[in-house]
Amino acid sequence: MSVSDLVKCLKAINACDEIEMELDEVLNWGYITDRHQLIQDAVALADQLLVMPNGQRDYKNERELSMQGFYVSCLESDGFGWLGGGIRLDKGIIAYG
């Protein structure tokens, strides 16, 4: 798996008529298994590609993603850093982490 796989998935979410637009809303709050399969796939890929095994952010992959027009931001943090990130799409935000 690579960042290009995640980009393809995110583009598919933007193009999917079955997924409703939730501007400024997280598309995958609640039970992930209740969400469209593309959203489930995007969360799984983001968890694997944007969070390193030691729990730190993968800045290289974040930059690659932003170069494709998908921007990553912090959704939740504490005194130690990020607890969860979000990827902004045309239809809303994919939470991961």
PDB file of N, CA and C in Angstrom:
ATOM      1  N   MET A   1       0.822  -1.174   0.000  1.00  0.00           N
ATOM      2  CA  MET A   1       0.000   0.000   0.000  1.00  0.00           C
ATOM      3  C   MET A   1       0.868   1.239   0.000  1.00  0.00           C
ATOM      4  N   SER A   2       0.332   2.293  -0.626  1.00  0.00           N
ATOM      5  CA  SER A   2       1.090   3.532  -0.736  1.00  0.00           C
ATOM      6  C   SER A   2       0.141   4.722  -0.628  1.00  0.00           C
ATOM      7  N   VAL A   3       0.713   5.897  -0.576  1.00  0.00           N
ATOM      8  CA  VAL A   3      -0.089   7.113  -0.520  1.00  0.00           C
ATOM      9  C   VAL A   3      -0.972   7.214  -1.762  1.00  0.00           C
ATOM     10  N   SER A   4      -0.491   6.726  -2.901  1.00  0.00           N
ATOM     11  CA  SER A   4      -1.321   6.782  -4.115  1.00  0.00           C
ATOM     12  C   SER A   4      -2.586   5.936  -3.954  1.00  0.00           C
ATOM     13  N   ASP A   5      -2.527   4.837  -3.198  1.00  0.00           N
ATOM     14  CA  ASP A   5      -3.723   4.040  -2.914  1.00  0.00           C
ATOM     15  C   ASP A   5      -4.725   4.849  -2.085  1.00  0.00           C
ATOM     16  N   LEU A   6      -4.212   5.580  -1.107  1.00  0.00           N
ATOM     17  CA  LEU A   6      -5.075   6.424  -0.286  1.00  0.00           C
ATOM     18  C   LEU A   6      -5.680   7.541  -1.124  1.00  0.00           C
ATOM     19  N   VAL A   7      -4.888   8.148  -1.989  1.00  0.00           N
ATOM     20  CA  VAL A   7      -5.387   9.218  -2.863  1.00  0.00           C
ATOM     21  C   VAL A   7      -6.511   8.692  -3.757  1.00  0.00           C
ATOM     22  N   LYS A   8      -6.326   7.521  -4.331  1.00  0.00           N
ATOM     23  CA  LYS A   8      -7.377   6.923  -5.179  1.00  0.00           C
ATOM     24  C   LYS A   8      -8.659   6.721  -4.388  1.00  0.00           C
ATOM     25  N   CYS A   9      -8.530   6.244  -3.179  1.00  0.00           N
ATOM     26  CA  CYS A   9      -9.687   6.010  -2.326  1.00  0.00           C
ATOM     27  C   CYS A   9     -10.394   7.326  -1.984  1.00  0.00           C
ATOM     28  N   LEU A  10      -9.626   8.359  -1.654  1.00  0.00           N
ATOM     29  CA  LEU A  10     -10.211   9.655  -1.316  1.00  0.00           C
ATOM     30  C   LEU A  10     -10.914  10.273  -2.522  1.00  0.00           C
ATOM     31  N   LYS A  11     -10.315  10.139  -3.697  1.00  0.00           N
ATOM     32  CA  LYS A  11     -10.956  10.642  -4.915  1.00  0.00           C
ATOM     33  C   LYS A  11     -12.248   9.883  -5.198  1.00  0.00           C
ATOM     34  N   ALA A  12     -12.248   8.587  -4.923  1.00  0.00           N
ATOM     35  CA  ALA A  12     -13.456   7.775  -5.124  1.00  0.00           C
ATOM     36  C   ALA A  12     -14.565   8.214  -4.172  1.00  0.00           C
ATOM     37  N   ILE A  13     -14.206   8.570  -2.943  1.00  0.00           N
ATOM     38  CA  ILE A  13     -15.200   9.067  -1.990  1.00  0.00           C
ATOM     39  C   ILE A  13     -15.818  10.359  -2.512  1.00  0.00           C
ATOM     40  N   ASN A  14     -14.979  11.278  -2.982  1.00  0.00           N
ATOM     41  CA  ASN A  14     -15.481  12.543  -3.521  1.00  0.00           C
ATOM     42  C   ASN A  14     -16.427  12.323  -4.694  1.00  0.00           C
ATOM     43  N   ALA A  15     -16.173  11.302  -5.502  1.00  0.00           N
ATOM     44  CA  ALA A  15     -16.964  11.050  -6.708  1.00  0.00           C
ATOM     45  C   ALA A  15     -18.196  10.177  -6.451  1.00  0.00           C
ATOM     46  N   CYS A  16     -18.272   9.533  -5.300  1.00  0.00           N
ATOM     47  CA  CYS A  16     -19.339   8.561  -5.020  1.00  0.00           C
ATOM     48  C   CYS A  16     -20.651   9.265  -4.683  1.00  0.00           C
ATOM     49  N   ASP A  17     -21.677   8.990  -5.476  1.00  0.00           N
ATOM     50  CA  ASP A  17     -22.994   9.575  -5.239  1.00  0.00           C
ATOM     51  C   ASP A  17     -23.677   9.009  -3.999  1.00  0.00           C
ATOM     52  N   GLU A  18     -23.269   7.833  -3.557  1.00  0.00           N
ATOM     53  CA  GLU A  18     -23.876   7.202  -2.383  1.00  0.00           C
ATOM     54  C   GLU A  18     -23.442   7.861  -1.071  1.00  0.00           C
ATOM     55  N   ILE A  19     -22.345   8.611  -1.111  1.00  0.00           N
ATOM     56  CA  ILE A  19     -21.829   9.264   0.091  1.00  0.00           C
ATOM     57  C   ILE A  19     -22.263  10.720   0.057  1.00  0.00           C
ATOM     58  N   GLU A  20     -23.044  11.120   1.056  1.00  0.00           N
ATOM     59  CA  GLU A  20     -23.566  12.476   1.105  1.00  0.00           C
ATOM     60  C   GLU A  20     -22.517  13.453   1.626  1.00  0.00           C
ATOM     61  N   MET A  21     -22.611  14.685   1.153  1.00  0.00           N
ATOM     62  CA  MET A  21     -21.695  15.738   1.568  1.00  0.00           C
ATOM     63  C   MET A  21     -21.988  16.133   3.007  1.00  0.00           C
ATOM     64  N   GLU A  22     -20.943  16.222   3.796  1.00  0.00           N
ATOM     65  CA  GLU A  22     -21.036  16.626   5.200  1.00  0.00           C
ATOM     66  C   GLU A  22     -19.971  17.691   5.445  1.00  0.00           C
ATOM     67  N   LEU A  23     -20.031  18.802   4.736  1.00  0.00           N
ATOM     68  CA  LEU A  23     -19.000  19.832   4.848  1.00  0.00           C
ATOM     69  C   LEU A  23     -18.699  20.157   6.308  1.00  0.00           C
ATOM     70  N   ASP A  24     -17.427  20.216   6.615  1.00  0.00           N
ATOM     71  CA  ASP A  24     -16.939  20.483   7.965  1.00  0.00           C
ATOM     72  C   ASP A  24     -17.424  19.460   8.989  1.00  0.00           C
ATOM     73  N   GLU A  25     -17.847  18.302   8.516  1.00  0.00           N
ATOM     74  CA  GLU A  25     -18.261  17.230   9.402  1.00  0.00           C
ATOM     75  C   GLU A  25     -17.404  15.998   9.128  1.00  0.00           C
ATOM     76  N   VAL A  26     -17.175  15.225  10.153  1.00  0.00           N
ATOM     77  CA  VAL A  26     -16.404  13.997  10.011  1.00  0.00           C
ATOM     78  C   VAL A  26     -17.316  12.914   9.443  1.00  0.00           C
ATOM     79  N   LEU A  27     -16.888  12.299   8.361  1.00  0.00           N
ATOM     80  CA  LEU A  27     -17.692  11.298   7.671  1.00  0.00           C
ATOM     81  C   LEU A  27     -17.747   9.955   8.393  1.00  0.00           C
ATOM     82  N   ASN A  28     -16.821   9.726   9.306  1.00  0.00           N
ATOM     83  CA  ASN A  28     -16.757   8.408   9.926  1.00  0.00           C
ATOM     84  C   ASN A  28     -16.907   8.429  11.444  1.00  0.00           C
ATOM     85  N   TRP A  29     -17.608   9.425  12.012  1.00  0.00           N
ATOM     86  CA  TRP A  29     -17.908   9.374  13.441  1.00  0.00           C
ATOM     87  C   TRP A  29     -18.896   8.248  13.674  1.00  0.00           C
ATOM     88  N   GLY A  30     -18.870   7.669  14.831  1.00  0.00           N
ATOM     89  CA  GLY A  30     -19.775   6.565  15.142  1.00  0.00           C
ATOM     90  C   GLY A  30     -19.131   5.230  14.791  1.00  0.00           C
ATOM     91  N   TYR A  31     -19.958   4.257  14.527  1.00  0.00           N
ATOM     92  CA  TYR A  31     -19.454   2.930  14.194  1.00  0.00           C
ATOM     93  C   TYR A  31     -18.928   2.910  12.769  1.00  0.00           C
ATOM     94  N   ILE A  32     -17.661   2.601  12.612  1.00  0.00           N
ATOM     95  CA  ILE A  32     -17.044   2.596  11.288  1.00  0.00           C
ATOM     96  C   ILE A  32     -17.695   1.559  10.382  1.00  0.00           C
ATOM     97  N   THR A  33     -18.153   0.461  10.947  1.00  0.00           N
ATOM     98  CA  THR A  33     -18.765  -0.579  10.114  1.00  0.00           C
ATOM     99  C   THR A  33     -20.114  -0.143   9.547  1.00  0.00           C
ATOM    100  N   ASP A  34     -20.683   0.938  10.072  1.00  0.00           N
ATOM    101  CA  ASP A  34     -21.931   1.482   9.535  1.00  0.00           C
ATOM    102  C   ASP A  34     -21.686   2.421   8.357  1.00  0.00           C
ATOM    103  N   ARG A  35     -20.445   2.693   8.044  1.00  0.00           N
ATOM    104  CA  ARG A  35     -20.097   3.650   6.990  1.00  0.00           C
ATOM    105  C   ARG A  35     -19.861   2.926   5.665  1.00  0.00           C
ATOM    106  N   HIS A  36     -19.905   3.678   4.596  1.00  0.00           N
ATOM    107  CA  HIS A  36     -19.655   3.159   3.245  1.00  0.00           C
ATOM    108  C   HIS A  36     -18.272   2.490   3.221  1.00  0.00           C
ATOM    109  N   GLN A  37     -18.133   1.444   2.438  1.00  0.00           N
ATOM    110  CA  GLN A  37     -16.870   0.690   2.379  1.00  0.00           C
ATOM    111  C   GLN A  37     -15.696   1.574   1.987  1.00  0.00           C
ATOM    112  N   LEU A  38     -15.905   2.543   1.106  1.00  0.00           N
ATOM    113  CA  LEU A  38     -14.808   3.447   0.723  1.00  0.00           C
ATOM    114  C   LEU A  38     -14.302   4.239   1.927  1.00  0.00           C
ATOM    115  N   ILE A  39     -15.208   4.659   2.790  1.00  0.00           N
ATOM    116  CA  ILE A  39     -14.796   5.399   3.991  1.00  0.00           C
ATOM    117  C   ILE A  39     -14.025   4.479   4.923  1.00  0.00           C
ATOM    118  N   GLN A  40     -14.490   3.251   5.089  1.00  0.00           N
ATOM    119  CA  GLN A  40     -13.765   2.282   5.919  1.00  0.00           C
ATOM    120  C   GLN A  40     -12.358   2.048   5.370  1.00  0.00           C
ATOM    121  N   ASP A  41     -12.251   1.906   4.044  1.00  0.00           N
ATOM    122  CA  ASP A  41     -10.945   1.686   3.409  1.00  0.00           C
ATOM    123  C   ASP A  41     -10.026   2.880   3.613  1.00  0.00           C
ATOM    124  N   ALA A  42     -10.568   4.093   3.475  1.00  0.00           N
ATOM    125  CA  ALA A  42      -9.760   5.308   3.639  1.00  0.00           C
ATOM    126  C   ALA A  42      -9.222   5.419   5.055  1.00  0.00           C
ATOM    127  N   VAL A  43     -10.051   5.107   6.040  1.00  0.00           N
ATOM    128  CA  VAL A  43      -9.601   5.165   7.440  1.00  0.00           C
ATOM    129  C   VAL A  43      -8.492   4.149   7.679  1.00  0.00           C
ATOM    130  N   ALA A  44      -8.665   2.939   7.186  1.00  0.00           N
ATOM    131  CA  ALA A  44      -7.639   1.900   7.368  1.00  0.00           C
ATOM    132  C   ALA A  44      -6.320   2.316   6.707  1.00  0.00           C
ATOM    133  N   LEU A  45      -6.389   2.842   5.490  1.00  0.00           N
ATOM    134  CA  LEU A  45      -5.171   3.281   4.797  1.00  0.00           C
ATOM    135  C   LEU A  45      -4.517   4.449   5.522  1.00  0.00           C
ATOM    136  N   ALA A  46      -5.320   5.412   5.965  1.00  0.00           N
ATOM    137  CA  ALA A  46      -4.770   6.566   6.679  1.00  0.00           C
ATOM    138  C   ALA A  46      -4.081   6.124   7.966  1.00  0.00           C
ATOM    139  N   ASP A  47      -4.700   5.213   8.706  1.00  0.00           N
ATOM    140  CA  ASP A  47      -4.081   4.714   9.939  1.00  0.00           C
ATOM    141  C   ASP A  47      -2.727   4.064   9.656  1.00  0.00           C
ATOM    142  N   GLN A  48      -2.637   3.345   8.550  1.00  0.00           N
ATOM    143  CA  GLN A  48      -1.397   2.646   8.219  1.00  0.00           C
ATOM    144  C   GLN A  48      -0.338   3.572   7.623  1.00  0.00           C
ATOM    145  N   LEU A  49      -0.769   4.564   6.859  1.00  0.00           N
ATOM    146  CA  LEU A  49       0.186   5.395   6.124  1.00  0.00           C
ATOM    147  C   LEU A  49       0.555   6.705   6.816  1.00  0.00           C
ATOM    148  N   LEU A  50      -0.309   7.213   7.668  1.00  0.00           N
ATOM    149  CA  LEU A  50      -0.065   8.525   8.262  1.00  0.00           C
ATOM    150  C   LEU A  50       0.352   8.467   9.722  1.00  0.00           C
ATOM    151  N   VAL A  51       0.289   7.268  10.311  1.00  0.00           N
ATOM    152  CA  VAL A  51       0.738   7.080  11.695  1.00  0.00           C
ATOM    153  C   VAL A  51       1.844   6.025  11.670  1.00  0.00           C
ATOM    154  N   MET A  52       3.024   6.410  12.148  1.00  0.00           N
ATOM    155  CA  MET A  52       4.152   5.475  12.166  1.00  0.00           C
ATOM    156  C   MET A  52       3.963   4.461  13.299  1.00  0.00           C
ATOM    157  N   PRO A  53       4.677   3.341  13.241  1.00  0.00           N
ATOM    158  CA  PRO A  53       4.536   2.305  14.282  1.00  0.00           C
ATOM    159  C   PRO A  53       4.755   2.821  15.710  1.00  0.00           C
ATOM    160  N   ASN A  54       5.554   3.860  15.861  1.00  0.00           N
ATOM    161  CA  ASN A  54       5.799   4.411  17.199  1.00  0.00           C
ATOM    162  C   ASN A  54       4.724   5.419  17.613  1.00  0.00           C
ATOM    163  N   GLY A  55       3.694   5.610  16.770  1.00  0.00           N
ATOM    164  CA  GLY A  55       2.594   6.511  17.090  1.00  0.00           C
ATOM    165  C   GLY A  55       2.775   7.939  16.607  1.00  0.00           C
ATOM    166  N   GLN A  56       3.954   8.238  16.075  1.00  0.00           N
ATOM    167  CA  GLN A  56       4.220   9.595  15.576  1.00  0.00           C
ATOM    168  C   GLN A  56       3.609   9.796  14.194  1.00  0.00           C
ATOM    169  N   ARG A  57       3.438  11.044  13.819  1.00  0.00           N
ATOM    170  CA  ARG A  57       2.932  11.375  12.495  1.00  0.00           C
ATOM    171  C   ARG A  57       3.986  11.058  11.437  1.00  0.00           C
ATOM    172  N   ASP A  58       3.527  10.628  10.277  1.00  0.00           N
ATOM    173  CA  ASP A  58       4.426  10.396   9.144  1.00  0.00           C
ATOM    174  C   ASP A  58       4.371  11.635   8.249  1.00  0.00           C
ATOM    175  N   TYR A  59       5.268  12.577   8.520  1.00  0.00           N
ATOM    176  CA  TYR A  59       5.271  13.864   7.825  1.00  0.00           C
ATOM    177  C   TYR A  59       5.493  13.709   6.324  1.00  0.00           C
ATOM    178  N   LYS A  60       6.309  12.749   5.941  1.00  0.00           N
ATOM    179  CA  LYS A  60       6.584  12.528   4.514  1.00  0.00           C
ATOM    180  C   LYS A  60       5.299  12.167   3.782  1.00  0.00           C
ATOM    181  N   ASN A  61       4.539  11.222   4.328  1.00  0.00           N
ATOM    182  CA  ASN A  61       3.292  10.819   3.689  1.00  0.00           C
ATOM    183  C   ASN A  61       2.235  11.924   3.753  1.00  0.00           C
ATOM    184  N   GLU A  62       2.234  12.707   4.829  1.00  0.00           N
ATOM    185  CA  GLU A  62       1.322  13.855   4.907  1.00  0.00           C
ATOM    186  C   GLU A  62       1.615  14.845   3.780  1.00  0.00           C
ATOM    187  N   ARG A  63       2.894  15.106   3.529  1.00  0.00           N
ATOM    188  CA  ARG A  63       3.275  16.032   2.443  1.00  0.00           C
ATOM    189  C   ARG A  63       2.855  15.491   1.088  1.00  0.00           C
ATOM    190  N   GLU A  64       3.064  14.191   0.872  1.00  0.00           N
ATOM    191  CA  GLU A  64       2.648  13.577  -0.397  1.00  0.00           C
ATOM    192  C   GLU A  64       1.144  13.720  -0.596  1.00  0.00           C
ATOM    193  N   LEU A  65       0.397  13.510   0.460  1.00  0.00           N
ATOM    194  CA  LEU A  65      -1.050  13.627   0.389  1.00  0.00           C
ATOM    195  C   LEU A  65      -1.474  15.063   0.090  1.00  0.00           C
ATOM    196  N   SER A  66      -0.833  16.022   0.747  1.00  0.00           N
ATOM    197  CA  SER A  66      -1.187  17.423   0.515  1.00  0.00           C
ATOM    198  C   SER A  66      -0.820  17.870  -0.899  1.00  0.00           C
ATOM    199  N   MET A  67       0.218  17.292  -1.469  1.00  0.00           N
ATOM    200  CA  MET A  67       0.589  17.621  -2.851  1.00  0.00           C
ATOM    201  C   MET A  67      -0.484  17.143  -3.829  1.00  0.00           C
ATOM    202  N   GLN A  68      -1.318  16.210  -3.399  1.00  0.00           N
ATOM    203  CA  GLN A  68      -2.419  15.712  -4.226  1.00  0.00           C
ATOM    204  C   GLN A  68      -3.732  16.449  -3.921  1.00  0.00           C
ATOM    205  N   GLY A  69      -3.670  17.453  -3.038  1.00  0.00           N
ATOM    206  CA  GLY A  69      -4.844  18.263  -2.731  1.00  0.00           C
ATOM    207  C   GLY A  69      -5.664  17.805  -1.548  1.00  0.00           C
ATOM    208  N   PHE A  70      -5.144  16.876  -0.761  1.00  0.00           N
ATOM    209  CA  PHE A  70      -5.841  16.392   0.430  1.00  0.00           C
ATOM    210  C   PHE A  70      -5.029  16.810   1.653  1.00  0.00           C
ATOM    211  N   TYR A  71      -5.592  17.724   2.433  1.00  0.00           N
ATOM    212  CA  TYR A  71      -4.851  18.320   3.532  1.00  0.00           C
ATOM    213  C   TYR A  71      -5.184  17.661   4.861  1.00  0.00           C
ATOM    214  N   VAL A  72      -4.140  17.460   5.660  1.00  0.00           N
ATOM    215  CA  VAL A  72      -4.228  16.797   6.954  1.00  0.00           C
ATOM    216  C   VAL A  72      -4.181  17.858   8.041  1.00  0.00           C
ATOM    217  N   SER A  73      -5.030  17.694   9.040  1.00  0.00           N
ATOM    218  CA  SER A  73      -5.011  18.605  10.176  1.00  0.00           C
ATOM    219  C   SER A  73      -5.312  17.836  11.454  1.00  0.00           C
ATOM    220  N   CYS A  74      -5.043  18.477  12.570  1.00  0.00           N
ATOM    221  CA  CYS A  74      -5.291  17.879  13.876  1.00  0.00           C
ATOM    222  C   CYS A  74      -6.780  18.000  14.210  1.00  0.00           C
ATOM    223  N   LEU A  75      -7.384  16.908  14.643  1.00  0.00           N
ATOM    224  CA  LEU A  75      -8.772  16.936  15.101  1.00  0.00           C
ATOM    225  C   LEU A  75      -8.853  16.923  16.623  1.00  0.00           C
ATOM    226  N   GLU A  76      -7.855  16.299  17.253  1.00  0.00           N
ATOM    227  CA  GLU A  76      -7.857  16.184  18.706  1.00  0.00           C
ATOM    228  C   GLU A  76      -6.412  16.064  19.187  1.00  0.00           C
ATOM    229  N   SER A  77      -6.102  16.758  20.273  1.00  0.00           N
ATOM    230  CA  SER A  77      -4.731  16.698  20.796  1.00  0.00           C
ATOM    231  C   SER A  77      -4.759  16.786  22.312  1.00  0.00           C
ATOM    232  N   ASP A  78      -3.609  16.468  22.898  1.00  0.00           N
ATOM    233  CA  ASP A  78      -3.416  16.657  24.325  1.00  0.00           C
ATOM    234  C   ASP A  78      -2.037  17.270  24.524  1.00  0.00           C
ATOM    235  N   GLY A  79      -1.528  17.288  25.722  1.00  0.00           N
ATOM    236  CA  GLY A  79      -0.239  17.890  26.009  1.00  0.00           C
ATOM    237  C   GLY A  79       0.939  17.202  25.340  1.00  0.00           C
ATOM    238  N   PHE A  80       0.745  15.981  24.863  1.00  0.00           N
ATOM    239  CA  PHE A  80       1.820  15.229  24.224  1.00  0.00           C
ATOM    240  C   PHE A  80       1.792  15.348  22.711  1.00  0.00           C
ATOM    241  N   GLY A  81       0.705  15.872  22.156  1.00  0.00           N
ATOM    242  CA  GLY A  81       0.608  16.003  20.700  1.00  0.00           C
ATOM    243  C   GLY A  81      -0.735  15.537  20.182  1.00  0.00           C
ATOM    244  N   TRP A  82      -0.741  15.156  18.916  1.00  0.00           N
ATOM    245  CA  TRP A  82      -1.976  14.735  18.251  1.00  0.00           C
ATOM    246  C   TRP A  82      -2.498  13.423  18.810  1.00  0.00           C
ATOM    247  N   LEU A  83      -3.805  13.355  18.980  1.00  0.00           N
ATOM    248  CA  LEU A  83      -4.472  12.090  19.296  1.00  0.00           C
ATOM    249  C   LEU A  83      -5.172  11.549  18.054  1.00  0.00           C
ATOM    250  N   GLY A  84      -5.590  12.453  17.195  1.00  0.00           N
ATOM    251  CA  GLY A  84      -6.262  12.051  15.968  1.00  0.00           C
ATOM    252  C   GLY A  84      -6.149  13.133  14.919  1.00  0.00           C
ATOM    253  N   GLY A  85      -6.045  12.698  13.684  1.00  0.00           N
ATOM    254  CA  GLY A  85      -5.950  13.630  12.573  1.00  0.00           C
ATOM    255  C   GLY A  85      -7.163  13.529  11.677  1.00  0.00           C
ATOM    256  N   GLY A  86      -7.236  14.448  10.739  1.00  0.00           N
ATOM    257  CA  GLY A  86      -8.326  14.437   9.783  1.00  0.00           C
ATOM    258  C   GLY A  86      -7.820  14.803   8.398  1.00  0.00           C
ATOM    259  N   ILE A  87      -8.410  14.191   7.396  1.00  0.00           N
ATOM    260  CA  ILE A  87      -8.085  14.494   6.002  1.00  0.00           C
ATOM    261  C   ILE A  87      -9.303  15.189   5.413  1.00  0.00           C
ATOM    262  N   ARG A  88      -9.105  16.400   4.892  1.00  0.00           N
ATOM    263  CA  ARG A  88     -10.215  17.174   4.333  1.00  0.00           C
ATOM    264  C   ARG A  88     -10.479  16.732   2.897  1.00  0.00           C
ATOM    265  N   LEU A  89     -11.739  16.406   2.639  1.00  0.00           N
ATOM    266  CA  LEU A  89     -12.215  16.044   1.308  1.00  0.00           C
ATOM    267  C   LEU A  89     -13.272  17.061   0.891  1.00  0.00           C
ATOM    268  N   ASP A  90     -13.720  16.985  -0.336  1.00  0.00           N
ATOM    269  CA  ASP A  90     -14.808  17.848  -0.793  1.00  0.00           C
ATOM    270  C   ASP A  90     -16.090  17.546  -0.027  1.00  0.00           C
ATOM    271  N   LYS A  91     -16.281  16.307   0.383  1.00  0.00           N
ATOM    272  CA  LYS A  91     -17.522  15.881   1.038  1.00  0.00           C
ATOM    273  C   LYS A  91     -17.477  15.957   2.562  1.00  0.00           C
ATOM    274  N   GLY A  92     -16.331  16.243   3.144  1.00  0.00           N
ATOM    275  CA  GLY A  92     -16.215  16.290   4.587  1.00  0.00           C
ATOM    276  C   GLY A  92     -14.813  15.919   5.028  1.00  0.00           C
ATOM    277  N   ILE A  93     -14.708  15.335   6.197  1.00  0.00           N
ATOM    278  CA  ILE A  93     -13.415  15.007   6.793  1.00  0.00           C
ATOM    279  C   ILE A  93     -13.384  13.528   7.136  1.00  0.00           C
ATOM    280  N   ILE A  94     -12.251  12.884   6.857  1.00  0.00           N
ATOM    281  CA  ILE A  94     -12.014  11.506   7.265  1.00  0.00           C
ATOM    282  C   ILE A  94     -11.110  11.567   8.506  1.00  0.00           C
ATOM    283  N   ALA A  95     -11.615  11.073   9.628  1.00  0.00           N
ATOM    284  CA  ALA A  95     -10.824  11.029  10.866  1.00  0.00           C
ATOM    285  C   ALA A  95     -10.005   9.749  10.907  1.00  0.00           C
ATOM    286  N   TYR A  96      -8.800   9.841  11.450  1.00  0.00           N
ATOM    287  CA  TYR A  96      -7.934   8.658  11.581  1.00  0.00           C
ATOM    288  C   TYR A  96      -7.082   8.833  12.823  1.00  0.00           C
ATOM    289  N   GLY A  97      -6.403   7.759  13.178  1.00  0.00           N
ATOM    290  CA  GLY A  97      -5.426   7.830  14.255  1.00  0.00           C
ATOM    291  C   GLY A  97      -5.862   7.195  15.538  1.00  0.00           C
TER     292      GLY A  97
END
